[in-house]
């Protein structure tokens, strides 16, 4: 029994000390809503996306992540022509995500409410006129976060230990995130978010925490992202961006990215994650209404883990339920109607 307690204690400790408790995505620019609840309803269509990430392929018990997300502006807003709409409006969204690393799995359910408002109109620092002006959207997500340890996946010296009949141990906690997103048409955007802000305890059992001398917590994670969309040729756009991620007790992590987009239909890019990986990204938007999106990325690992792994794969599939109006957020939606 003591061996089982120690093993479970180590697993619980991993929840406490690992630098990134939330899943990592290379394609954050394809679905930024996963990091920032302010993006809920920021497009003028219903945005549905599903994704799968296999990290460090070839490494035993490597992390895998899958999710399904959807968000939309409130229906009343989508019936107006957004190009001439200066009014504030709300948005809603939600997602379910499962992240698994060996015997530890994490299941998240979140619902989101956002509010989008105009803070200036007309020209901005010499940019072309855009009737939406500079807009600010604020969002909050509420949900639950379940951590589970599958005891059957633990490798102990005595496989007949009667304590293994426990099967699995789980802990469910409330979860919340806050976010803000500032943008001007398709010219620029900057966003900030805080995830796991409730700092909830992860306590599987009194005996486990007493023996292992540890109580896990869902540590707040902070993200800052910014980018722009530059026209470098006829219907050819350069879209540089960066993301900075911070969590208490761990070094700050940052990503640099750039994408080339042609006709808002075909895109490819490269990303650098500090001391971790270089990634290549490719995607396209399909369908007569430009409402189906497919994206794939591959990470070349730069850390010592590269000795045991062949890299990481990530796939995103998106579907847009389109009204007869354009996308209003920079670089994430379909082709603008002029």
C-alpha atoms as a PDB file:
ATOM      1  CA  UNK A   1       0.000   0.000   0.000  1.00  0.00           C
ATOM      2  CA  UNK A   2       2.849   2.401   0.846  1.00  0.00           C
ATOM      3  CA  UNK A   3       4.333   2.006  -2.654  1.00  0.00           C
ATOM      4  CA  UNK A   4       1.004   2.941  -4.137  1.00  0.00           C
ATOM      5  CA  UNK A   5       0.751   6.006  -1.903  1.00  0.00           C
ATOM      6  CA  UNK A   6       4.247   7.143  -2.940  1.00  0.00           C
ATOM      7  CA  UNK A   7       3.483   6.625  -6.619  1.00  0.00           C
ATOM      8  CA  UNK A   8       0.241   8.539  -6.392  1.00  0.00           C
ATOM      9  CA  UNK A   9       2.005  11.241  -4.403  1.00  0.00           C
ATOM     10  CA  UNK A  10       4.518  11.705  -7.192  1.00  0.00           C
ATOM     11  CA  UNK A  11       1.667  12.024  -9.674  1.00  0.00           C
ATOM     12  CA  UNK A  12      -0.055  14.623  -7.526  1.00  0.00           C
ATOM     13  CA  UNK A  13       3.221  16.492  -7.156  1.00  0.00           C
ATOM     14  CA  UNK A  14       3.499  16.643 -10.930  1.00  0.00           C
ATOM     15  CA  UNK A  15       0.247  18.577 -10.993  1.00  0.00           C
ATOM     16  CA  UNK A  16       1.789  21.040  -8.535  1.00  0.00           C
ATOM     17  CA  UNK A  17       5.198  21.639 -10.057  1.00  0.00           C
ATOM     18  CA  UNK A  18       5.002  21.123 -13.799  1.00  0.00           C
ATOM     19  CA  UNK A  19       5.517  24.431 -15.577  1.00  0.00           C
ATOM     20  CA  UNK A  20       2.517  24.251 -17.869  1.00  0.00           C
ATOM     21  CA  UNK A  21      -0.636  22.755 -16.334  1.00  0.00           C
ATOM     22  CA  UNK A  22      -2.805  23.873 -19.231  1.00  0.00           C
ATOM     23  CA  UNK A  23      -2.370  22.214 -22.655  1.00  0.00           C
ATOM     24  CA  UNK A  24       0.092  23.672 -25.135  1.00  0.00           C
ATOM     25  CA  UNK A  25      -0.995  24.444 -28.705  1.00  0.00           C
ATOM     26  CA  UNK A  26       1.187  25.343 -31.660  1.00  0.00           C
ATOM     27  CA  UNK A  27      -1.873  26.564 -33.562  1.00  0.00           C
ATOM     28  CA  UNK A  28      -2.975  29.184 -31.045  1.00  0.00           C
ATOM     29  CA  UNK A  29      -3.354  31.668 -33.920  1.00  0.00           C
ATOM     30  CA  UNK A  30      -5.822  29.323 -35.644  1.00  0.00           C
ATOM     31  CA  UNK A  31      -8.051  29.079 -32.562  1.00  0.00           C
ATOM     32  CA  UNK A  32      -7.097  31.818 -30.061  1.00  0.00           C
ATOM     33  CA  UNK A  33     -10.406  31.328 -28.222  1.00  0.00           C
ATOM     34  CA  UNK A  34      -8.784  28.365 -26.415  1.00  0.00           C
ATOM     35  CA  UNK A  35      -6.496  30.801 -24.562  1.00  0.00           C
ATOM     36  CA  UNK A  36      -8.683  33.880 -24.336  1.00  0.00           C
ATOM     37  CA  UNK A  37     -12.436  33.887 -23.504  1.00  0.00           C
ATOM     38  CA  UNK A  38     -12.758  37.417 -24.919  1.00  0.00           C
ATOM     39  CA  UNK A  39     -12.686  35.866 -28.420  1.00  0.00           C
ATOM     40  CA  UNK A  40     -16.136  34.319 -27.925  1.00  0.00           C
ATOM     41  CA  UNK A  41     -18.425  35.820 -30.553  1.00  0.00           C
ATOM     42  CA  UNK A  42     -15.680  37.983 -32.043  1.00  0.00           C
ATOM     43  CA  UNK A  43     -16.418  36.741 -35.571  1.00  0.00           C
ATOM     44  CA  UNK A  44     -19.611  37.373 -37.516  1.00  0.00           C
ATOM     45  CA  UNK A  45     -20.323  33.672 -37.809  1.00  0.00           C
ATOM     46  CA  UNK A  46     -20.658  30.621 -35.591  1.00  0.00           C
ATOM     47  CA  UNK A  47     -17.128  29.243 -35.316  1.00  0.00           C
ATOM     48  CA  UNK A  48     -16.858  25.500 -34.566  1.00  0.00           C
ATOM     49  CA  UNK A  49     -13.446  23.870 -34.241  1.00  0.00           C
ATOM     50  CA  UNK A  50     -12.065  20.486 -33.227  1.00  0.00           C
ATOM     51  CA  UNK A  51      -8.409  19.792 -32.595  1.00  0.00           C
ATOM     52  CA  UNK A  52      -6.000  17.022 -31.713  1.00  0.00           C
ATOM     53  CA  UNK A  53      -2.373  17.299 -30.562  1.00  0.00           C
ATOM     54  CA  UNK A  54       0.102  14.435 -30.068  1.00  0.00           C
ATOM     55  CA  UNK A  55       3.130  15.847 -28.283  1.00  0.00           C
ATOM     56  CA  UNK A  56       6.584  14.220 -28.289  1.00  0.00           C
ATOM     57  CA  UNK A  57       5.571  11.250 -30.435  1.00  0.00           C
ATOM     58  CA  UNK A  58       7.632   8.152 -29.569  1.00  0.00           C
ATOM     59  CA  UNK A  59       8.059   9.068 -25.902  1.00  0.00           C
ATOM     60  CA  UNK A  60       6.243   6.707 -23.553  1.00  0.00           C
ATOM     61  CA  UNK A  61       3.239   8.299 -21.833  1.00  0.00           C
ATOM     62  CA  UNK A  62       3.656  11.496 -23.879  1.00  0.00           C
ATOM     63  CA  UNK A  63       0.880  14.117 -23.652  1.00  0.00           C
ATOM     64  CA  UNK A  64      -2.108  14.026 -26.010  1.00  0.00           C
ATOM     65  CA  UNK A  65      -4.823  16.666 -26.170  1.00  0.00           C
ATOM     66  CA  UNK A  66      -8.182  16.842 -27.945  1.00  0.00           C
ATOM     67  CA  UNK A  67     -10.901  19.479 -27.847  1.00  0.00           C
ATOM     68  CA  UNK A  68     -14.159  20.689 -29.357  1.00  0.00           C
ATOM     69  CA  UNK A  69     -15.007  24.405 -29.194  1.00  0.00           C
ATOM     70  CA  UNK A  70     -17.743  26.681 -30.518  1.00  0.00           C
ATOM     71  CA  UNK A  71     -18.518  30.374 -30.154  1.00  0.00           C
ATOM     72  CA  UNK A  72     -20.766  32.950 -31.782  1.00  0.00           C
ATOM     73  CA  UNK A  73     -22.127  36.481 -31.478  1.00  0.00           C
ATOM     74  CA  UNK A  74     -25.664  36.699 -30.157  1.00  0.00           C
ATOM     75  CA  UNK A  75     -28.053  36.031 -33.050  1.00  0.00           C
ATOM     76  CA  UNK A  76     -29.581  39.502 -33.115  1.00  0.00           C
ATOM     77  CA  UNK A  77     -26.188  40.982 -33.995  1.00  0.00           C
ATOM     78  CA  UNK A  78     -25.501  38.584 -36.863  1.00  0.00           C
ATOM     79  CA  UNK A  79     -28.640  39.807 -38.655  1.00  0.00           C
ATOM     80  CA  UNK A  80     -27.167  43.294 -39.017  1.00  0.00           C
ATOM     81  CA  UNK A  81     -24.528  44.293 -41.527  1.00  0.00           C
ATOM     82  CA  UNK A  82     -21.493  44.434 -39.246  1.00  0.00           C
ATOM     83  CA  UNK A  83     -19.629  46.855 -41.506  1.00  0.00           C
ATOM     84  CA  UNK A  84     -22.020  49.621 -40.445  1.00  0.00           C
ATOM     85  CA  UNK A  85     -22.692  48.399 -36.941  1.00  0.00           C
ATOM     86  CA  UNK A  86     -21.132  50.568 -34.226  1.00  0.00           C
ATOM     87  CA  UNK A  87     -23.136  49.091 -31.389  1.00  0.00           C
ATOM     88  CA  UNK A  88     -21.872  46.889 -28.587  1.00  0.00           C
ATOM     89  CA  UNK A  89     -22.955  43.278 -28.590  1.00  0.00           C
ATOM     90  CA  UNK A  90     -22.494  40.093 -26.508  1.00  0.00           C
ATOM     91  CA  UNK A  91     -21.041  36.749 -27.516  1.00  0.00           C
ATOM     92  CA  UNK A  92     -21.217  33.233 -26.120  1.00  0.00           C
ATOM     93  CA  UNK A  93     -19.121  30.093 -26.437  1.00  0.00           C
ATOM     94  CA  UNK A  94     -17.908  26.922 -24.822  1.00  0.00           C
ATOM     95  CA  UNK A  95     -15.484  24.063 -25.155  1.00  0.00           C
ATOM     96  CA  UNK A  96     -14.697  20.596 -23.846  1.00  0.00           C
ATOM     97  CA  UNK A  97     -11.070  19.447 -23.692  1.00  0.00           C
ATOM     98  CA  UNK A  98      -9.273  16.293 -22.588  1.00  0.00           C
ATOM     99  CA  UNK A  99      -5.539  16.287 -21.877  1.00  0.00           C
ATOM    100  CA  UNK A 100      -3.812  13.015 -20.998  1.00  0.00           C
ATOM    101  CA  UNK A 101      -0.238  12.294 -19.873  1.00  0.00           C
ATOM    102  CA  UNK A 102       0.369   8.701 -18.851  1.00  0.00           C
ATOM    103  CA  UNK A 103      -1.901   7.826 -15.890  1.00  0.00           C
ATOM    104  CA  UNK A 104      -2.945  11.481 -15.375  1.00  0.00           C
ATOM    105  CA  UNK A 105      -5.869  12.885 -17.355  1.00  0.00           C
ATOM    106  CA  UNK A 106      -7.509  16.284 -17.226  1.00  0.00           C
ATOM    107  CA  UNK A 107     -11.065  16.922 -18.456  1.00  0.00           C
ATOM    108  CA  UNK A 108     -12.319  20.509 -18.784  1.00  0.00           C
ATOM    109  CA  UNK A 109     -15.777  21.935 -19.518  1.00  0.00           C
ATOM    110  CA  UNK A 110     -16.122  25.697 -19.919  1.00  0.00           C
ATOM    111  CA  UNK A 111     -18.857  28.120 -20.922  1.00  0.00           C
ATOM    112  CA  UNK A 112     -18.053  31.703 -21.962  1.00  0.00           C
ATOM    113  CA  UNK A 113     -19.733  35.091 -22.088  1.00  0.00           C
ATOM    114  CA  UNK A 114     -18.147  38.120 -23.769  1.00  0.00           C
ATOM    115  CA  UNK A 115     -19.052  41.714 -24.505  1.00  0.00           C
ATOM    116  CA  UNK A 116     -17.738  43.573 -27.561  1.00  0.00           C
ATOM    117  CA  UNK A 117     -17.812  47.372 -27.703  1.00  0.00           C
ATOM    118  CA  UNK A 118     -16.447  50.155 -29.890  1.00  0.00           C
ATOM    119  CA  UNK A 119     -13.998  52.560 -28.209  1.00  0.00           C
ATOM    120  CA  UNK A 120     -13.119  54.763 -31.215  1.00  0.00           C
ATOM    121  CA  UNK A 121     -14.163  55.174 -34.829  1.00  0.00           C
ATOM    122  CA  UNK A 122     -12.778  56.288 -38.181  1.00  0.00           C
ATOM    123  CA  UNK A 123      -9.078  56.582 -38.925  1.00  0.00           C
ATOM    124  CA  UNK A 124      -6.490  55.396 -36.432  1.00  0.00           C
ATOM    125  CA  UNK A 125      -2.852  56.486 -36.736  1.00  0.00           C
ATOM    126  CA  UNK A 126      -3.162  57.005 -40.471  1.00  0.00           C
ATOM    127  CA  UNK A 127      -4.775  53.637 -41.152  1.00  0.00           C
ATOM    128  CA  UNK A 128      -7.515  53.394 -43.735  1.00  0.00           C
ATOM    129  CA  UNK A 129     -11.011  54.262 -42.581  1.00  0.00           C
ATOM    130  CA  UNK A 130     -12.919  51.388 -41.035  1.00  0.00           C
ATOM    131  CA  UNK A 131     -16.387  52.111 -39.664  1.00  0.00           C
ATOM    132  CA  UNK A 132     -16.008  49.606 -36.823  1.00  0.00           C
ATOM    133  CA  UNK A 133     -13.046  51.600 -35.479  1.00  0.00           C
ATOM    134  CA  UNK A 134     -11.003  50.266 -32.578  1.00  0.00           C
ATOM    135  CA  UNK A 135     -12.971  47.701 -30.612  1.00  0.00           C
ATOM    136  CA  UNK A 136     -12.486  46.084 -27.217  1.00  0.00           C
ATOM    137  CA  UNK A 137     -13.997  42.766 -26.209  1.00  0.00           C
ATOM    138  CA  UNK A 138     -13.996  41.395 -22.657  1.00  0.00           C
ATOM    139  CA  UNK A 139     -14.760  37.800 -21.739  1.00  0.00           C
ATOM    140  CA  UNK A 140     -15.083  35.372 -18.858  1.00  0.00           C
ATOM    141  CA  UNK A 141     -15.254  31.570 -18.797  1.00  0.00           C
ATOM    142  CA  UNK A 142     -16.687  29.442 -16.000  1.00  0.00           C
ATOM    143  CA  UNK A 143     -16.575  25.677 -15.791  1.00  0.00           C
ATOM    144  CA  UNK A 144     -15.206  22.594 -14.108  1.00  0.00           C
ATOM    145  CA  UNK A 145     -11.794  20.973 -14.223  1.00  0.00           C
ATOM    146  CA  UNK A 146     -11.416  17.281 -13.399  1.00  0.00           C
ATOM    147  CA  UNK A 147      -8.063  15.634 -12.728  1.00  0.00           C
ATOM    148  CA  UNK A 148      -7.965  11.848 -12.636  1.00  0.00           C
ATOM    149  CA  UNK A 149      -5.235   9.305 -11.881  1.00  0.00           C
ATOM    150  CA  UNK A 150      -5.726   5.859 -13.443  1.00  0.00           C
ATOM    151  CA  UNK A 151      -4.246   3.532 -10.854  1.00  0.00           C
ATOM    152  CA  UNK A 152      -4.325   0.621 -13.336  1.00  0.00           C
ATOM    153  CA  UNK A 153      -1.670   2.383 -15.449  1.00  0.00           C
ATOM    154  CA  UNK A 154       0.831   2.597 -12.590  1.00  0.00           C
ATOM    155  CA  UNK A 155       3.738   0.136 -12.751  1.00  0.00           C
ATOM    156  CA  UNK A 156       4.493  -1.231  -9.272  1.00  0.00           C
ATOM    157  CA  UNK A 157       6.846  -3.974  -8.077  1.00  0.00           C
ATOM    158  CA  UNK A 158       3.884  -5.949  -6.752  1.00  0.00           C
ATOM    159  CA  UNK A 159       1.138  -6.075  -9.430  1.00  0.00           C
ATOM    160  CA  UNK A 160      -1.041  -8.070  -7.005  1.00  0.00           C
ATOM    161  CA  UNK A 161      -1.149  -5.254  -4.481  1.00  0.00           C
ATOM    162  CA  UNK A 162      -4.809  -5.326  -3.303  1.00  0.00           C
ATOM    163  CA  UNK A 163      -4.863  -1.528  -3.210  1.00  0.00           C
ATOM    164  CA  UNK A 164      -4.830  -1.514  -7.055  1.00  0.00           C
ATOM    165  CA  UNK A 165      -8.504  -2.409  -6.976  1.00  0.00           C
ATOM    166  CA  UNK A 166      -9.093   1.290  -6.371  1.00  0.00           C
ATOM    167  CA  UNK A 167      -9.225   1.649 -10.178  1.00  0.00           C
ATOM    168  CA  UNK A 168      -8.942   5.437 -10.388  1.00  0.00           C
ATOM    169  CA  UNK A 169      -8.931   8.512  -8.222  1.00  0.00           C
ATOM    170  CA  UNK A 170     -10.388  11.812  -9.356  1.00  0.00           C
ATOM    171  CA  UNK A 171     -10.896  15.355  -8.146  1.00  0.00           C
ATOM    172  CA  UNK A 172     -13.244  17.945  -9.667  1.00  0.00           C
ATOM    173  CA  UNK A 173     -12.788  21.676  -9.123  1.00  0.00           C
ATOM    174  CA  UNK A 174     -14.405  24.893 -10.357  1.00  0.00           C
ATOM    175  CA  UNK A 175     -12.489  26.743 -13.056  1.00  0.00           C
ATOM    176  CA  UNK A 176     -12.539  30.320 -14.364  1.00  0.00           C
ATOM    177  CA  UNK A 177     -10.702  32.485 -16.899  1.00  0.00           C
ATOM    178  CA  UNK A 178     -10.690  36.176 -17.803  1.00  0.00           C
ATOM    179  CA  UNK A 179      -9.619  37.850 -21.034  1.00  0.00           C
ATOM    180  CA  UNK A 180      -9.463  41.107 -22.994  1.00  0.00           C
ATOM    181  CA  UNK A 181      -8.898  41.655 -26.728  1.00  0.00           C
ATOM    182  CA  UNK A 182      -8.268  44.987 -28.470  1.00  0.00           C
ATOM    183  CA  UNK A 183      -8.325  45.190 -32.280  1.00  0.00           C
ATOM    184  CA  UNK A 184      -8.734  47.525 -35.237  1.00  0.00           C
ATOM    185  CA  UNK A 185     -10.308  45.889 -38.274  1.00  0.00           C
ATOM    186  CA  UNK A 186      -7.693  43.641 -39.822  1.00  0.00           C
ATOM    187  CA  UNK A 187      -4.786  45.945 -38.949  1.00  0.00           C
ATOM    188  CA  UNK A 188      -3.730  44.768 -35.482  1.00  0.00           C
ATOM    189  CA  UNK A 189      -4.785  42.955 -32.332  1.00  0.00           C
ATOM    190  CA  UNK A 190      -3.469  42.582 -28.795  1.00  0.00           C
ATOM    191  CA  UNK A 191      -4.936  40.359 -26.132  1.00  0.00           C
ATOM    192  CA  UNK A 192      -4.326  39.297 -22.530  1.00  0.00           C
ATOM    193  CA  UNK A 193      -5.856  36.487 -20.510  1.00  0.00           C
ATOM    194  CA  UNK A 194      -5.605  34.711 -17.178  1.00  0.00           C
ATOM    195  CA  UNK A 195      -6.612  31.051 -16.874  1.00  0.00           C
ATOM    196  CA  UNK A 196      -7.246  28.926 -13.763  1.00  0.00           C
ATOM    197  CA  UNK A 197      -7.671  32.108 -11.723  1.00  0.00           C
ATOM    198  CA  UNK A 198      -9.465  30.364  -8.822  1.00  0.00           C
ATOM    199  CA  UNK A 199      -6.226  28.628  -7.758  1.00  0.00           C
ATOM    200  CA  UNK A 200      -8.270  25.576  -6.702  1.00  0.00           C
ATOM    201  CA  UNK A 201      -6.796  22.754  -4.627  1.00  0.00           C
ATOM    202  CA  UNK A 202      -6.342  19.302  -6.181  1.00  0.00           C
ATOM    203  CA  UNK A 203      -6.745  16.891  -3.260  1.00  0.00           C
ATOM    204  CA  UNK A 204      -7.341  13.255  -4.235  1.00  0.00           C
ATOM    205  CA  UNK A 205      -7.669  11.846  -0.703  1.00  0.00           C
ATOM    206  CA  UNK A 206      -6.734  12.666   2.889  1.00  0.00           C
ATOM    207  CA  UNK A 207      -4.429   9.624   3.095  1.00  0.00           C
ATOM    208  CA  UNK A 208      -2.640  10.476  -0.137  1.00  0.00           C
ATOM    209  CA  UNK A 209      -1.966  14.063   0.856  1.00  0.00           C
ATOM    210  CA  UNK A 210      -0.903  13.070   4.370  1.00  0.00           C
ATOM    211  CA  UNK A 211       1.585  10.450   3.118  1.00  0.00           C
ATOM    212  CA  UNK A 212       2.853  12.374   0.086  1.00  0.00           C
ATOM    213  CA  UNK A 213       3.004  15.691   1.971  1.00  0.00           C
ATOM    214  CA  UNK A 214       1.589  17.581  -0.997  1.00  0.00           C
ATOM    215  CA  UNK A 215      -1.559  19.377  -2.020  1.00  0.00           C
ATOM    216  CA  UNK A 216      -1.847  20.249  -5.681  1.00  0.00           C
ATOM    217  CA  UNK A 217      -3.220  23.534  -6.939  1.00  0.00           C
ATOM    218  CA  UNK A 218      -4.455  24.746 -10.302  1.00  0.00           C
ATOM    219  CA  UNK A 219      -1.981  27.586 -10.712  1.00  0.00           C
ATOM    220  CA  UNK A 220      -3.074  30.705 -12.644  1.00  0.00           C
ATOM    221  CA  UNK A 221      -1.607  30.983 -16.153  1.00  0.00           C
ATOM    222  CA  UNK A 222      -1.162  34.341 -17.896  1.00  0.00           C
ATOM    223  CA  UNK A 223      -0.976  34.945 -21.640  1.00  0.00           C
ATOM    224  CA  UNK A 224      -0.166  37.994 -23.747  1.00  0.00           C
ATOM    225  CA  UNK A 225      -0.561  37.854 -27.526  1.00  0.00           C
ATOM    226  CA  UNK A 226      -0.292  40.437 -30.297  1.00  0.00           C
ATOM    227  CA  UNK A 227      -0.116  40.474 -34.070  1.00  0.00           C
ATOM    228  CA  UNK A 228      -0.844  42.336 -37.265  1.00  0.00           C
ATOM    229  CA  UNK A 229      -1.859  41.699 -40.874  1.00  0.00           C
ATOM    230  CA  UNK A 230       0.220  43.397 -43.577  1.00  0.00           C
ATOM    231  CA  UNK A 231      -0.634  43.374 -47.278  1.00  0.00           C
ATOM    232  CA  UNK A 232       2.623  42.579 -49.108  1.00  0.00           C
ATOM    233  CA  UNK A 233       1.147  41.845 -52.554  1.00  0.00           C
ATOM    234  CA  UNK A 234      -2.151  41.486 -54.350  1.00  0.00           C
ATOM    235  CA  UNK A 235      -4.306  39.464 -51.916  1.00  0.00           C
ATOM    236  CA  UNK A 236      -1.079  38.280 -50.233  1.00  0.00           C
ATOM    237  CA  UNK A 237      -0.702  39.024 -46.524  1.00  0.00           C
ATOM    238  CA  UNK A 238       2.076  38.671 -43.975  1.00  0.00           C
ATOM    239  CA  UNK A 239       0.755  37.959 -40.461  1.00  0.00           C
ATOM    240  CA  UNK A 240       3.453  38.114 -37.736  1.00  0.00           C
ATOM    241  CA  UNK A 241       2.463  37.484 -34.120  1.00  0.00           C
ATOM    242  CA  UNK A 242       3.900  36.568 -30.738  1.00  0.00           C
ATOM    243  CA  UNK A 243       2.709  35.009 -27.502  1.00  0.00           C
ATOM    244  CA  UNK A 244       4.186  35.302 -24.002  1.00  0.00           C
ATOM    245  CA  UNK A 245       3.096  32.765 -21.367  1.00  0.00           C
ATOM    246  CA  UNK A 246       3.744  33.001 -17.656  1.00  0.00           C
ATOM    247  CA  UNK A 247       2.967  30.829 -14.640  1.00  0.00           C
ATOM    248  CA  UNK A 248       4.156  31.171 -11.049  1.00  0.00           C
ATOM    249  CA  UNK A 249       7.279  29.172 -10.249  1.00  0.00           C
ATOM    250  CA  UNK A 250       8.382  28.639 -13.857  1.00  0.00           C
ATOM    251  CA  UNK A 251      10.380  30.617 -16.434  1.00  0.00           C
ATOM    252  CA  UNK A 252       8.449  32.819 -18.848  1.00  0.00           C
ATOM    253  CA  UNK A 253       7.825  31.094 -22.189  1.00  0.00           C
ATOM    254  CA  UNK A 254       7.385  32.855 -25.524  1.00  0.00           C
ATOM    255  CA  UNK A 255       6.533  32.064 -29.135  1.00  0.00           C
ATOM    256  CA  UNK A 256       7.336  33.991 -32.322  1.00  0.00           C
ATOM    257  CA  UNK A 257       5.248  33.248 -35.409  1.00  0.00           C
ATOM    258  CA  UNK A 258       4.714  34.408 -38.945  1.00  0.00           C
ATOM    259  CA  UNK A 259       2.217  33.337 -41.585  1.00  0.00           C
ATOM    260  CA  UNK A 260       1.767  34.043 -45.269  1.00  0.00           C
ATOM    261  CA  UNK A 261      -1.860  34.119 -46.349  1.00  0.00           C
ATOM    262  CA  UNK A 262      -3.062  34.169 -49.941  1.00  0.00           C
ATOM    263  CA  UNK A 263      -6.632  35.268 -50.723  1.00  0.00           C
ATOM    264  CA  UNK A 264      -7.650  34.382 -47.158  1.00  0.00           C
ATOM    265  CA  UNK A 265      -7.745  30.816 -48.492  1.00  0.00           C
ATOM    266  CA  UNK A 266      -4.247  29.296 -48.343  1.00  0.00           C
ATOM    267  CA  UNK A 267      -1.722  29.891 -45.596  1.00  0.00           C
ATOM    268  CA  UNK A 268       1.575  28.579 -44.301  1.00  0.00           C
ATOM    269  CA  UNK A 269       3.918  29.660 -41.570  1.00  0.00           C
ATOM    270  CA  UNK A 270       6.707  28.987 -39.137  1.00  0.00           C
ATOM    271  CA  UNK A 271       6.869  29.296 -35.339  1.00  0.00           C
ATOM    272  CA  UNK A 272       9.659  29.332 -32.799  1.00  0.00           C
ATOM    273  CA  UNK A 273       8.964  28.375 -29.184  1.00  0.00           C
ATOM    274  CA  UNK A 274      11.836  29.466 -26.943  1.00  0.00           C
ATOM    275  CA  UNK A 275      14.169  26.571 -26.081  1.00  0.00           C
ATOM    276  CA  UNK A 276      11.488  24.080 -27.047  1.00  0.00           C
ATOM    277  CA  UNK A 277      10.601  23.715 -30.738  1.00  0.00           C
ATOM    278  CA  UNK A 278      10.416  25.053 -34.270  1.00  0.00           C
ATOM    279  CA  UNK A 279       7.084  24.362 -35.951  1.00  0.00           C
ATOM    280  CA  UNK A 280       5.819  24.430 -39.523  1.00  0.00           C
ATOM    281  CA  UNK A 281       2.148  25.202 -40.200  1.00  0.00           C
ATOM    282  CA  UNK A 282      -0.051  24.828 -43.287  1.00  0.00           C
ATOM    283  CA  UNK A 283      -3.765  25.355 -43.748  1.00  0.00           C
ATOM    284  CA  UNK A 284      -6.536  26.123 -46.213  1.00  0.00           C
ATOM    285  CA  UNK A 285     -10.129  27.297 -46.227  1.00  0.00           C
ATOM    286  CA  UNK A 286     -12.470  25.198 -48.377  1.00  0.00           C
ATOM    287  CA  UNK A 287     -16.001  25.322 -49.664  1.00  0.00           C
ATOM    288  CA  UNK A 288     -18.012  27.639 -51.874  1.00  0.00           C
ATOM    289  CA  UNK A 289     -18.784  29.812 -48.844  1.00  0.00           C
ATOM    290  CA  UNK A 290     -15.248  29.521 -47.437  1.00  0.00           C
ATOM    291  CA  UNK A 291     -16.668  27.842 -44.367  1.00  0.00           C
ATOM    292  CA  UNK A 292     -14.429  24.785 -43.883  1.00  0.00           C
ATOM    293  CA  UNK A 293     -10.907  25.136 -42.500  1.00  0.00           C
ATOM    294  CA  UNK A 294      -8.162  22.518 -42.185  1.00  0.00           C
ATOM    295  CA  UNK A 295      -4.772  23.164 -40.532  1.00  0.00           C
ATOM    296  CA  UNK A 296      -1.786  20.954 -39.727  1.00  0.00           C
ATOM    297  CA  UNK A 297       1.449  21.698 -37.886  1.00  0.00           C
ATOM    298  CA  UNK A 298       4.565  19.730 -37.023  1.00  0.00           C
ATOM    299  CA  UNK A 299       6.961  20.619 -34.211  1.00  0.00           C
ATOM    300  CA  UNK A 300      10.673  19.854 -34.460  1.00  0.00           C
ATOM    301  CA  UNK A 301      11.748  19.440 -30.830  1.00  0.00           C
ATOM    302  CA  UNK A 302      14.851  21.415 -29.805  1.00  0.00           C
ATOM    303  CA  UNK A 303      15.174  20.319 -26.168  1.00  0.00           C
ATOM    304  CA  UNK A 304      16.836  17.142 -24.872  1.00  0.00           C
ATOM    305  CA  UNK A 305      13.537  15.322 -25.365  1.00  0.00           C
ATOM    306  CA  UNK A 306      14.438  15.197 -29.080  1.00  0.00           C
ATOM    307  CA  UNK A 307      16.623  12.165 -28.255  1.00  0.00           C
ATOM    308  CA  UNK A 308      13.481  10.152 -27.471  1.00  0.00           C
ATOM    309  CA  UNK A 309      10.808  11.808 -29.610  1.00  0.00           C
ATOM    310  CA  UNK A 310      10.174  12.281 -33.324  1.00  0.00           C
ATOM    311  CA  UNK A 311       8.358  15.588 -32.755  1.00  0.00           C
ATOM    312  CA  UNK A 312       4.770  16.729 -32.226  1.00  0.00           C
ATOM    313  CA  UNK A 313       1.736  16.745 -34.521  1.00  0.00           C
ATOM    314  CA  UNK A 314      -1.340  18.979 -34.341  1.00  0.00           C
ATOM    315  CA  UNK A 315      -4.479  19.047 -36.496  1.00  0.00           C
ATOM    316  CA  UNK A 316      -7.381  21.518 -36.450  1.00  0.00           C
ATOM    317  CA  UNK A 317     -10.690  21.169 -38.310  1.00  0.00           C
ATOM    318  CA  UNK A 318     -13.064  24.130 -38.443  1.00  0.00           C
ATOM    319  CA  UNK A 319     -16.569  24.783 -39.694  1.00  0.00           C
ATOM    320  CA  UNK A 320     -18.206  28.207 -39.985  1.00  0.00           C
ATOM    321  CA  UNK A 321     -21.934  28.743 -40.067  1.00  0.00           C
ATOM    322  CA  UNK A 322     -21.890  31.871 -42.188  1.00  0.00           C
ATOM    323  CA  UNK A 323     -24.382  34.747 -42.337  1.00  0.00           C
ATOM    324  CA  UNK A 324     -24.264  37.201 -45.264  1.00  0.00           C
ATOM    325  CA  UNK A 325     -21.691  39.498 -43.675  1.00  0.00           C
ATOM    326  CA  UNK A 326     -17.911  39.667 -43.370  1.00  0.00           C
ATOM    327  CA  UNK A 327     -15.574  38.532 -40.608  1.00  0.00           C
ATOM    328  CA  UNK A 328     -14.583  41.332 -38.282  1.00  0.00           C
ATOM    329  CA  UNK A 329     -11.472  40.030 -36.455  1.00  0.00           C
ATOM    330  CA  UNK A 330      -7.948  40.387 -37.907  1.00  0.00           C
ATOM    331  CA  UNK A 331      -6.614  37.308 -39.635  1.00  0.00           C
ATOM    332  CA  UNK A 332      -8.822  34.628 -38.093  1.00  0.00           C
ATOM    333  CA  UNK A 333     -11.959  34.770 -40.238  1.00  0.00           C
ATOM    334  CA  UNK A 334     -12.866  34.379 -43.873  1.00  0.00           C
ATOM    335  CA  UNK A 335     -12.299  36.807 -46.719  1.00  0.00           C
ATOM    336  CA  UNK A 336     -13.594  40.325 -46.144  1.00  0.00           C
ATOM    337  CA  UNK A 337     -16.341  41.646 -48.373  1.00  0.00           C
ATOM    338  CA  UNK A 338     -15.419  45.076 -49.639  1.00  0.00           C
END
